[in-house]
Protein backbone atom coordinates (compact mmCIF):
# COMPACT_ATOMS: atom_id res chain seq x y z
CA UNK A 1 33.89 -177.31 -5.10
CA UNK A 2 33.68 -173.53 -3.38
CA UNK A 3 33.70 -170.59 -6.12
CA UNK A 4 36.36 -168.54 -4.86
CA UNK A 5 37.59 -170.36 -2.54
CA UNK A 6 38.98 -173.99 -3.83
CA UNK A 7 41.57 -174.40 -6.04
CA UNK A 8 40.16 -175.57 -9.37
CA UNK A 9 41.60 -178.02 -11.74
CA UNK A 10 40.82 -177.64 -15.72
CA UNK A 11 38.93 -181.20 -14.81
CA UNK A 12 36.93 -179.14 -11.80
CA UNK A 13 35.68 -176.57 -14.29
CA UNK A 14 34.90 -179.27 -16.81
CA UNK A 15 32.84 -181.53 -14.23
CA UNK A 16 30.99 -177.82 -13.24
CA UNK A 17 30.06 -177.64 -16.79
CA UNK A 18 28.52 -181.13 -16.80
CA UNK A 19 26.89 -180.41 -13.43
CA UNK A 20 26.71 -176.88 -12.50
CA UNK A 21 25.44 -177.28 -8.80
CA UNK A 22 28.76 -179.09 -8.08
CA UNK A 23 30.46 -175.78 -7.35
CA UNK A 24 28.74 -173.40 -4.52
CA UNK A 25 29.46 -170.08 -3.12
CA UNK A 26 30.13 -170.79 0.93
CA UNK A 27 29.76 -168.38 3.85
CA UNK A 28 33.53 -167.46 3.23
CA UNK A 29 33.40 -166.74 -0.18
CA UNK A 30 30.23 -164.52 -0.06
CA UNK A 31 32.05 -162.76 2.64
CA UNK A 32 34.96 -161.94 0.11
CA UNK A 33 32.17 -160.51 -2.03
CA UNK A 34 30.69 -158.46 0.14
CA UNK A 35 33.79 -157.08 1.76
CA UNK A 36 34.65 -156.37 -1.74
CA UNK A 37 31.46 -154.79 -2.83
CA UNK A 38 32.17 -152.10 0.62
CA UNK A 39 34.95 -151.21 -0.52
CA UNK A 40 33.88 -149.92 -3.88
CA UNK A 41 30.99 -148.42 -1.86
CA UNK A 42 33.45 -146.27 0.45
CA UNK A 43 35.70 -145.34 -2.56
CA UNK A 44 33.07 -144.38 -4.22
CA UNK A 45 31.27 -142.19 -1.60
CA UNK A 46 35.20 -140.56 -1.41
CA UNK A 47 36.20 -137.53 -2.76
CA UNK A 48 39.50 -139.77 -4.40
CA UNK A 49 39.51 -140.36 -8.02
CA UNK A 50 39.91 -144.26 -8.78
CA UNK A 51 40.08 -145.17 -12.37
CA UNK A 52 37.25 -147.80 -13.42
CA UNK A 53 35.35 -146.76 -10.08
CA UNK A 54 34.42 -143.28 -10.64
CA UNK A 55 36.37 -142.28 -13.98
CA UNK A 56 35.85 -143.03 -17.82
CA UNK A 57 37.53 -146.23 -19.42
CA UNK A 58 40.55 -146.72 -21.08
CA UNK A 59 41.98 -143.21 -23.29
CA UNK A 60 38.97 -141.75 -21.02
CA UNK A 61 40.47 -142.49 -17.58
CA UNK A 62 41.47 -138.70 -17.38
CA UNK A 63 37.33 -137.79 -17.20
CA UNK A 64 35.58 -138.37 -13.89
CA UNK A 65 32.01 -139.22 -13.20
CA UNK A 66 29.84 -138.37 -10.65
CA UNK A 67 28.03 -140.75 -8.25
CA UNK A 68 24.68 -140.46 -9.40
CA UNK A 69 26.25 -141.31 -13.18
CA UNK A 70 27.66 -144.29 -12.20
CA UNK A 71 24.75 -146.63 -13.48
CA UNK A 72 24.24 -145.50 -16.38
CA UNK A 73 28.17 -145.48 -17.11
CA UNK A 74 28.37 -149.39 -16.20
CA UNK A 75 25.25 -150.10 -18.58
CA UNK A 76 27.31 -147.72 -21.18
CA UNK A 77 30.14 -150.00 -20.80
CA UNK A 78 28.73 -153.19 -21.78
CA UNK A 79 26.63 -152.16 -24.54
CA UNK A 80 29.56 -149.97 -26.10
CA UNK A 81 31.83 -153.23 -25.82
CA UNK A 82 29.72 -155.61 -27.08
CA UNK A 83 31.00 -155.67 -30.54
CA UNK A 84 31.57 -159.29 -31.19
CA UNK A 85 31.48 -160.50 -34.69
CA UNK A 86 31.44 -164.04 -36.34
CA UNK A 87 29.56 -167.26 -35.49
CA UNK A 88 28.67 -167.93 -31.87
CA UNK A 89 31.25 -170.08 -30.03
CA UNK A 90 29.82 -173.47 -28.63
CA UNK A 91 27.87 -173.33 -25.57
CA UNK A 92 30.01 -175.69 -23.79
CA UNK A 93 32.95 -172.42 -24.30
CA UNK A 94 30.45 -170.07 -23.55
CA UNK A 95 29.58 -172.41 -19.69
CA UNK A 96 33.60 -172.53 -19.11
CA UNK A 97 33.62 -168.72 -19.15
CA UNK A 98 30.99 -168.20 -16.88
CA UNK A 99 32.26 -170.57 -14.43
CA UNK A 100 35.97 -169.14 -14.52
CA UNK A 101 34.66 -165.61 -14.06
CA UNK A 102 32.64 -166.45 -11.45
CA UNK A 103 35.73 -167.81 -10.07
CA UNK A 104 37.43 -164.89 -10.04
CA UNK A 105 34.69 -162.65 -9.24
CA UNK A 106 34.72 -164.46 -6.32
CA UNK A 107 38.04 -164.50 -4.91
CA UNK A 108 36.88 -160.47 -3.21
CA UNK A 109 38.97 -158.35 -5.36
CA UNK A 110 36.55 -157.42 -7.97
CA UNK A 111 33.74 -155.37 -6.34
CA UNK A 112 31.47 -157.03 -8.11
CA UNK A 113 27.79 -157.82 -6.41
CA UNK A 114 26.98 -160.74 -4.57
CA UNK A 115 23.69 -160.26 -6.44
CA UNK A 116 25.67 -160.12 -9.47
CA UNK A 117 27.53 -163.16 -9.06
CA UNK A 118 24.44 -165.35 -7.53
CA UNK A 119 22.70 -164.37 -10.79
CA UNK A 120 25.66 -165.84 -12.98
CA UNK A 121 25.12 -169.42 -10.93
CA UNK A 122 21.68 -169.42 -11.17
CA UNK A 123 21.90 -168.50 -14.94
CA UNK A 124 24.76 -172.08 -15.34
CA UNK A 125 22.00 -174.10 -13.27
CA UNK A 126 18.65 -173.12 -14.86
CA UNK A 127 21.14 -173.71 -18.51
CA UNK A 128 20.66 -169.72 -19.64
CA UNK A 129 24.16 -169.49 -21.29
CA UNK A 130 25.18 -166.19 -23.39
CA UNK A 131 25.56 -166.24 -26.75
CA UNK A 132 29.08 -165.15 -27.40
CA UNK A 133 30.62 -164.51 -30.88
CA UNK A 134 33.91 -165.83 -31.71
CA UNK A 135 35.73 -162.92 -32.91
CA UNK A 136 36.71 -159.59 -31.68
CA UNK A 137 38.93 -159.57 -28.80
CA UNK A 138 42.69 -158.50 -29.03
CA UNK A 139 43.16 -160.11 -25.71
CA UNK A 140 44.93 -156.90 -24.14
CA UNK A 141 42.09 -155.82 -21.36
CA UNK A 142 41.07 -159.25 -21.11
CA UNK A 143 38.64 -160.39 -23.73
CA UNK A 144 36.82 -157.27 -23.77
CA UNK A 145 34.15 -157.78 -26.65
CA UNK A 146 33.50 -161.68 -25.29
CA UNK A 147 32.49 -160.87 -22.11
CA UNK A 148 30.52 -157.88 -22.73
CA UNK A 149 28.47 -160.21 -24.70
CA UNK A 150 28.67 -162.68 -22.10
CA UNK A 151 27.19 -160.18 -19.69
CA UNK A 152 24.89 -158.47 -21.81
CA UNK A 153 22.25 -160.92 -20.65
CA UNK A 154 22.76 -159.58 -16.99
CA UNK A 155 21.21 -156.70 -18.71
CA UNK A 156 18.05 -158.28 -20.20
CA UNK A 157 19.94 -158.09 -23.46
CA UNK A 158 21.86 -160.11 -26.17
CA UNK A 159 20.72 -163.80 -26.46
CA UNK A 160 21.10 -166.79 -24.73
CA UNK A 161 21.04 -170.25 -25.39
CA UNK A 162 18.34 -172.59 -23.78
CA UNK A 163 19.29 -176.42 -24.45
CA UNK A 164 20.30 -176.28 -28.69
CA UNK A 165 18.24 -173.25 -28.98
CA UNK A 166 19.48 -169.53 -29.16
CA UNK A 167 16.25 -167.28 -27.98
CA UNK A 168 16.10 -163.46 -27.30
CA UNK A 169 17.53 -162.91 -23.38
CA UNK A 170 14.33 -160.87 -22.74
CA UNK A 171 12.36 -163.93 -23.34
CA UNK A 172 13.90 -166.13 -21.39
CA UNK A 173 13.75 -163.94 -18.24
CA UNK A 174 10.24 -163.38 -18.57
CA UNK A 175 9.71 -167.08 -18.86
CA UNK A 176 12.06 -167.78 -15.34
CA UNK A 177 10.20 -164.55 -13.42
CA UNK A 178 13.74 -162.97 -13.56
CA UNK A 179 14.43 -159.18 -13.87
CA UNK A 180 17.15 -157.28 -15.80
CA UNK A 181 19.91 -156.12 -13.44
CA UNK A 182 21.28 -152.85 -12.87
CA UNK A 183 25.15 -152.45 -12.31
CA UNK A 184 26.42 -150.56 -9.20
CA UNK A 185 30.21 -148.85 -9.27
CA UNK A 186 33.05 -150.99 -11.02
CA UNK A 187 30.51 -154.17 -11.68
CA UNK A 188 30.73 -153.28 -15.21
CA UNK A 189 34.44 -153.18 -15.65
CA UNK A 190 35.19 -156.56 -13.28
CA UNK A 191 32.55 -158.08 -16.02
CA UNK A 192 34.50 -157.63 -18.83
CA UNK A 193 37.79 -157.27 -18.08
CA UNK A 194 39.59 -160.41 -17.83
CA UNK A 195 40.91 -163.58 -19.73
CA UNK A 196 38.04 -166.08 -19.57
CA UNK A 197 37.47 -165.82 -23.83
CA UNK A 198 40.84 -167.24 -23.88
CA UNK A 199 40.82 -169.37 -20.83
CA UNK A 200 37.42 -171.37 -21.77
CA UNK A 201 39.55 -172.27 -25.35
CA UNK A 202 42.52 -173.44 -23.44
CA UNK A 203 40.37 -175.30 -20.92
CA UNK A 204 38.37 -177.38 -23.77
CA UNK A 205 41.52 -177.75 -25.80
CA UNK A 206 43.25 -178.95 -22.84
CA UNK A 207 40.15 -181.55 -22.60
CA UNK A 208 40.97 -182.78 -26.21
CA UNK A 209 44.79 -182.43 -26.69
CA UNK A 210 44.87 -184.99 -23.29
CA UNK A 211 42.90 -187.52 -25.29
CA UNK A 212 44.59 -187.13 -28.56
CA UNK A 213 48.03 -187.44 -27.00
CA UNK A 214 46.73 -191.03 -25.66
CA UNK A 215 45.08 -191.76 -28.97
CA UNK A 216 48.08 -190.78 -30.77
CA UNK A 217 50.45 -193.18 -28.96
CA UNK A 218 47.61 -196.15 -29.57
CA UNK A 219 47.37 -195.74 -33.56
CA UNK A 220 51.14 -195.16 -33.54
CA UNK A 221 51.67 -198.87 -31.80
CA UNK A 222 48.80 -200.05 -34.30
CA UNK A 223 50.68 -198.77 -37.05
CA UNK A 224 54.07 -200.47 -36.00
CA UNK A 225 51.95 -203.76 -35.53
CA UNK A 226 50.74 -203.45 -39.06
CA UNK A 227 54.36 -202.20 -40.58
CA UNK A 228 56.43 -205.05 -38.44
CA UNK A 229 58.43 -202.12 -37.04
CA UNK A 230 60.58 -202.57 -34.25
CA UNK A 231 59.78 -201.68 -30.23
CA UNK A 232 63.60 -201.55 -29.50
CA UNK A 233 63.27 -197.72 -29.63
CA UNK A 234 60.91 -197.64 -26.65
CA UNK A 235 63.19 -199.62 -24.08
CA UNK A 236 63.42 -197.77 -20.82
CA UNK A 237 67.18 -197.62 -21.09
CA UNK A 238 67.16 -195.60 -23.97
CA UNK A 239 65.12 -192.57 -22.57
CA UNK A 240 66.52 -192.98 -19.12
CA UNK A 241 69.87 -190.78 -20.39
CA UNK A 242 67.49 -188.77 -22.32
CA UNK A 243 65.09 -188.31 -19.43
CA UNK A 244 62.64 -185.90 -20.40
CA UNK A 245 59.31 -186.79 -18.71
CA UNK A 246 56.95 -186.78 -21.84
CA UNK A 247 59.28 -189.21 -23.71
CA UNK A 248 59.75 -191.32 -20.80
CA UNK A 249 55.68 -191.38 -20.62
CA UNK A 250 55.32 -192.28 -24.43
CA UNK A 251 58.11 -194.80 -24.86
CA UNK A 252 56.51 -196.73 -21.55
CA UNK A 253 53.24 -196.71 -23.47
CA UNK A 254 53.94 -198.15 -26.42
CA UNK A 255 55.67 -201.21 -24.61
CA UNK A 256 52.37 -201.59 -22.92
CA UNK A 257 50.45 -201.29 -26.67
CA UNK A 258 52.85 -203.58 -27.94
CA UNK A 259 53.60 -206.62 -25.25
CA UNK A 260 52.30 -209.93 -26.15
CA UNK A 261 52.39 -208.87 -30.28
CA UNK A 262 53.20 -211.66 -32.32
CA UNK A 263 53.84 -209.09 -34.95
CA UNK A 264 56.60 -207.80 -32.45
CA UNK A 265 58.22 -211.37 -32.47
CA UNK A 266 58.14 -211.78 -36.32
CA UNK A 267 60.25 -208.84 -36.51
CA UNK A 268 62.96 -209.89 -34.20
CA UNK A 269 64.47 -212.34 -37.08
CA UNK A 270 64.11 -209.66 -39.82
CA UNK A 271 67.00 -208.34 -41.58
CA UNK A 272 65.89 -204.46 -41.38
CA UNK A 273 68.52 -202.45 -39.37
CA UNK A 274 66.09 -199.38 -38.13
CA UNK A 275 62.76 -198.00 -38.66
CA UNK A 276 61.89 -194.95 -40.37
CA UNK A 277 61.80 -191.45 -37.77
CA UNK A 278 57.93 -191.68 -37.96
CA UNK A 279 57.99 -194.85 -36.17
CA UNK A 280 61.33 -195.12 -34.36
CA UNK A 281 60.96 -191.62 -32.75
CA UNK A 282 57.35 -192.01 -31.83
CA UNK A 283 58.96 -191.45 -27.90
CA UNK A 284 60.67 -188.17 -28.91
CA UNK A 285 58.17 -186.49 -30.81
CA UNK A 286 55.49 -187.35 -29.41
CA UNK A 287 56.91 -186.70 -26.00
CA UNK A 288 57.88 -183.11 -27.14
CA UNK A 289 54.26 -182.56 -27.36
CA UNK A 290 53.42 -184.06 -24.27
CA UNK A 291 55.86 -181.41 -22.65
CA UNK A 292 53.40 -179.14 -24.17
CA UNK A 293 50.48 -180.28 -22.66
CA UNK A 294 51.87 -180.05 -19.58
CA UNK A 295 53.22 -176.72 -19.88
CA UNK A 296 49.95 -175.20 -20.84
CA UNK A 297 47.87 -176.67 -18.33
CA UNK A 298 50.34 -175.37 -15.93
CA UNK A 299 49.32 -171.96 -16.71
CA UNK A 300 45.90 -172.24 -17.70
CA UNK A 301 45.27 -173.69 -13.98
CA UNK A 302 47.06 -170.79 -12.60
CA UNK A 303 45.04 -168.42 -14.92
CA UNK A 304 42.04 -170.38 -13.75
CA UNK A 305 42.67 -169.65 -9.77
CA UNK A 306 43.72 -166.01 -10.67
CA UNK A 307 41.89 -162.55 -10.33
CA UNK A 308 42.49 -160.74 -13.82
CA UNK A 309 39.90 -158.11 -13.88
CA UNK A 310 40.99 -153.93 -13.36
CA UNK A 311 41.69 -152.26 -11.00
CA UNK A 312 42.00 -154.88 -8.55
CA UNK A 313 40.55 -153.12 -4.97
CA UNK A 314 42.77 -154.54 -2.18
CA UNK A 315 40.68 -152.33 0.48
CA UNK A 316 38.63 -148.88 0.73
CA UNK A 317 42.09 -147.25 1.33
CA UNK A 318 44.00 -148.78 -1.66
CA UNK A 319 43.41 -149.96 -5.07
CA UNK A 320 45.87 -150.80 -8.05
CA UNK A 321 45.18 -150.44 -11.67
CA UNK A 322 47.87 -152.60 -13.23
CA UNK A 323 47.84 -155.40 -16.30
CA UNK A 324 46.68 -158.54 -14.68
CA UNK A 325 43.70 -158.90 -17.97
CA UNK A 326 46.57 -158.94 -20.61
CA UNK A 327 46.54 -161.96 -22.48
CA UNK A 328 49.93 -162.71 -23.11
CA UNK A 329 50.94 -165.16 -20.42
CA UNK A 330 48.31 -167.51 -22.14
CA UNK A 331 48.97 -166.40 -25.37
CA UNK A 332 52.16 -167.73 -25.47
CA UNK A 333 51.57 -171.52 -24.47
CA UNK A 334 48.74 -171.74 -26.77
CA UNK A 335 50.67 -170.62 -29.72
CA UNK A 336 53.26 -173.67 -28.03
CA UNK A 337 50.58 -176.25 -27.56
CA UNK A 338 49.23 -175.73 -31.33
CA UNK A 339 52.29 -176.62 -32.78
CA UNK A 340 52.63 -179.45 -30.73
CA UNK A 341 48.96 -180.47 -31.53
CA UNK A 342 50.05 -179.78 -35.47
CA UNK A 343 53.24 -182.05 -34.58
CA UNK A 344 51.67 -185.33 -33.63
CA UNK A 345 48.93 -185.07 -37.04
CA UNK A 346 52.53 -184.76 -39.01
CA UNK A 347 54.22 -187.50 -38.00
CA UNK A 348 50.94 -189.40 -38.01
CA UNK A 349 50.57 -188.83 -41.55
CA UNK A 350 54.33 -189.95 -42.25
CA UNK A 351 53.36 -193.18 -40.81
CA UNK A 352 49.82 -193.50 -42.76
CA UNK A 353 52.34 -192.99 -46.08
CA UNK A 354 54.61 -195.49 -44.66
CA UNK A 355 51.80 -198.61 -44.86
CA UNK A 356 50.88 -197.48 -48.58
CA UNK A 357 54.23 -197.96 -49.85
CA UNK A 358 53.77 -201.61 -50.19
CA UNK A 359 57.23 -202.51 -48.41
CA UNK A 360 57.56 -205.96 -45.77
CA UNK A 361 54.65 -207.84 -47.35
CA UNK A 362 51.78 -204.95 -46.91
CA UNK A 363 50.81 -204.50 -50.68
CA UNK A 364 50.85 -201.23 -52.21
CA UNK A 365 48.00 -198.65 -51.14
CA UNK A 366 46.70 -201.78 -48.54
CA UNK A 367 45.03 -203.26 -51.67
CA UNK A 368 45.58 -206.20 -53.49
CA UNK A 369 44.08 -205.17 -56.69
CA UNK A 370 45.54 -201.50 -57.25
CA UNK A 371 44.96 -200.27 -60.51
CA UNK A 372 41.45 -201.57 -61.06
CA UNK A 373 41.20 -199.69 -57.36
CA UNK A 374 42.86 -197.08 -56.10
CA UNK A 375 42.45 -198.66 -52.41
CA UNK A 376 43.69 -196.01 -50.06
CA UNK A 377 45.88 -193.64 -52.08
CA UNK A 378 43.18 -190.69 -51.42
CA UNK A 379 42.76 -190.34 -47.89
CA UNK A 380 46.57 -189.70 -47.52
CA UNK A 381 45.66 -186.28 -49.73
CA UNK A 382 43.21 -185.57 -47.32
CA UNK A 383 45.60 -186.01 -44.35
CA UNK A 384 48.07 -184.35 -46.21
CA UNK A 385 46.20 -181.15 -47.33
CA UNK A 386 44.97 -180.84 -43.53
CA UNK A 387 48.86 -181.45 -42.40
CA UNK A 388 49.53 -178.18 -44.30
CA UNK A 389 45.91 -176.58 -43.08
CA UNK A 390 47.34 -177.30 -39.42
CA UNK A 391 51.05 -175.46 -40.47
CA UNK A 392 49.19 -172.30 -41.67
CA UNK A 393 47.60 -172.22 -38.26
CA UNK A 394 51.03 -172.45 -36.13
CA UNK A 395 51.98 -169.08 -37.17
CA UNK A 396 51.99 -167.24 -33.26
CA UNK A 397 48.84 -164.96 -33.17
CA UNK A 398 51.01 -163.91 -29.94
CA UNK A 399 53.96 -162.55 -32.30
CA UNK A 400 51.62 -159.62 -33.41
CA UNK A 401 50.37 -156.51 -31.36
CA UNK A 402 48.18 -153.74 -33.21
CA UNK A 403 47.94 -150.73 -30.77
CA UNK A 404 44.36 -149.73 -29.45
CA UNK A 405 42.55 -147.69 -27.37
CA UNK A 406 44.30 -144.57 -28.99
CA UNK A 407 47.22 -145.94 -28.22
CA UNK A 408 46.56 -146.52 -24.14
CA UNK A 409 46.49 -150.26 -25.11
CA UNK A 410 49.73 -150.08 -27.33
CA UNK A 411 50.58 -154.10 -26.77
CA UNK A 412 48.10 -156.50 -26.63
CA UNK A 413 48.44 -160.38 -26.58
CA UNK A 414 46.25 -161.76 -29.64
CA UNK A 415 45.91 -164.85 -27.25
CA UNK A 416 42.07 -165.05 -28.21
CA UNK A 417 43.36 -166.32 -32.01
CA UNK A 418 45.36 -168.05 -30.42
CA UNK A 419 43.13 -170.25 -28.52
CA UNK A 420 40.79 -170.34 -31.36
CA UNK A 421 43.53 -171.48 -33.71
CA UNK A 422 44.61 -174.19 -30.91
CA UNK A 423 40.90 -175.55 -31.22
CA UNK A 424 41.15 -175.90 -34.81
CA UNK A 425 44.26 -177.76 -35.44
CA UNK A 426 43.09 -179.88 -32.62
CA UNK A 427 39.68 -180.60 -34.74
CA UNK A 428 41.94 -181.20 -37.92
CA UNK A 429 43.93 -183.62 -35.87
CA UNK A 430 40.99 -185.63 -35.23
CA UNK A 431 40.86 -186.50 -38.99
CA UNK A 432 44.17 -186.82 -39.31
CA UNK A 433 44.52 -189.57 -36.75
CA UNK A 434 41.45 -191.67 -38.04
CA UNK A 435 43.30 -191.53 -41.95
CA UNK A 436 46.13 -193.05 -39.53
CA UNK A 437 43.76 -195.79 -37.81
CA UNK A 438 41.80 -196.45 -40.81
CA UNK A 439 45.06 -197.88 -42.61
CA UNK A 440 46.76 -199.55 -39.70
CA UNK A 441 43.80 -201.55 -39.44
CA UNK A 442 43.64 -202.46 -43.08
CA UNK A 443 47.35 -203.27 -42.49
CA UNK A 444 47.03 -205.74 -40.02
CA UNK A 445 44.58 -207.58 -42.32
CA UNK A 446 48.04 -209.07 -44.19
CA UNK A 447 49.29 -209.77 -40.87
CA UNK A 448 47.23 -212.64 -39.92
CA UNK A 449 47.09 -215.20 -38.46
CA UNK A 450 49.22 -213.17 -36.44
CA UNK A 451 47.94 -211.65 -33.39
CA UNK A 452 48.45 -208.04 -32.12
CA UNK A 453 48.72 -207.32 -28.23
CA UNK A 454 45.54 -207.22 -26.00
CA UNK A 455 44.89 -203.54 -26.30
CA UNK A 456 45.42 -203.30 -30.09
CA UNK A 457 43.00 -205.82 -30.74
CA UNK A 458 40.70 -204.73 -28.61
CA UNK A 459 40.46 -201.44 -30.69
CA UNK A 460 40.91 -203.42 -33.74
CA UNK A 461 37.32 -204.52 -33.01
CA UNK A 462 36.21 -201.22 -31.49
CA UNK A 463 36.98 -199.64 -35.48
CA UNK A 464 35.78 -202.94 -37.52
CA UNK A 465 32.49 -202.42 -35.19
CA UNK A 466 32.10 -199.55 -37.69
CA UNK A 467 34.22 -200.12 -40.88
CA UNK A 468 34.80 -202.65 -42.56
CA UNK A 469 38.24 -204.34 -44.18
CA UNK A 470 38.20 -202.69 -48.00
CA UNK A 471 38.06 -205.15 -50.80
CA UNK A 472 37.18 -203.13 -53.49
CA UNK A 473 36.71 -199.49 -53.79
CA UNK A 474 33.72 -197.68 -52.07
CA UNK A 475 32.50 -194.82 -50.19
CA UNK A 476 35.77 -195.03 -47.73
CA UNK A 477 35.21 -191.16 -47.02
CA UNK A 478 32.10 -192.10 -44.94
CA UNK A 479 34.58 -194.52 -43.19
CA UNK A 480 36.78 -191.67 -42.15
CA UNK A 481 33.83 -189.82 -40.76
CA UNK A 482 33.29 -193.19 -38.51
CA UNK A 483 36.39 -193.31 -37.42
CA UNK A 484 36.33 -189.65 -36.35
CA UNK A 485 32.99 -190.03 -34.59
CA UNK A 486 34.71 -193.06 -32.80
CA UNK A 487 37.12 -190.57 -32.04
CA UNK A 488 35.42 -188.04 -30.62
CA UNK A 489 33.00 -190.11 -28.72
CA UNK A 490 36.12 -191.61 -27.17
CA UNK A 491 35.09 -195.04 -28.20
CA UNK A 492 38.54 -195.99 -28.16
CA UNK A 493 40.81 -197.44 -25.27
CA UNK A 494 43.90 -195.46 -25.00
CA UNK A 495 45.43 -196.36 -21.19
């Protein structure tokens, strides 16, 4: 993969995260970078006033800076903007930020030097990853504070991850015989203008969401097996006359998961007319969430392959001060995806509740000795609490805006908060689905000797490899955590 030249997918970025040397700069990319750097140099040497190159920033855009003060201006810009707070984002988020920033800068419209870009690539390859606080961005001039922290190590400042430990940058540079860099004209602004913090949360969230969408379908199928519900709501004919892509895909997957099930055969001659919505409407609800995933994927990959700093340097004669850094284009789909992920948990909790009611041959609370034993009563409380927490996280951050920069930045996206909330909801969804899987597996115990479909039996065995059938009350909180770990390790077969 070639930085600045190839069109990268979010999967490509995750692959580069694992193996940084899979992405390089080629001759064409280097020529783009050098040409852009040359354009900036010519602007500095001219008498023209160009924002961000020989002026102050934000509300100080009317203050001209001399050529002699340029290096100090870039240094001051970085250190003054590194004001993030909160705990550090996960190291992988920082790596994604670096990869996305290198890719954008390498397109040759930002005026950042080849030396700076190559240093960032070297840091990725040596696993020297900047520590970035999670709070402080309003997603307007992009992610100013997080990006300032991301590039502090270029100046020999800040902290970095090496392995799983955090060190002072100066110490790590010395160990690797690397010197701090001095930034040239426009470089500071090119480095800290952009949406890479928001984008990193979108990309990492897409990875989680993609698997959890698949897992939610499989989990629903396991619950339907335990409930001995009907598979007729998944028939192709129904979804051809309301042909949303997400619904069609989920319906087809549900039929695949249920193929050959003896529990489905047992349902053919029962007197139940229809199942509750949480069973019957899986294609419509899960499908809507899949549509949201596809929208976020399209938007994130467009952003990934875009130039999002300011100003954009087209030539030595023309630069444009615009708004490509504004996070609104990512904030809205992130808020939409957050709601979509929360709804997967909402409907999952309802299926869990159905399995506890003691209907259609299942014992109340999925235990044969309730009273003395609480059975699975309380895990549903946990699920309900997480579902409600997710609902509170669904308020769209992008609906808010607080003016900053003395009114120069008078509308901001809050997209960084959208991205963080999205990943929080996904984390809660893991545990909600863990509860449903635990209940569904227990429900299947009361359907034996009937066999499930092959894929459901396979996933039942995966779960039972860590969690035994519940006979009497025990520390089932540990069971829930074990199942969540299986989810996080992607042990369940979902395709």
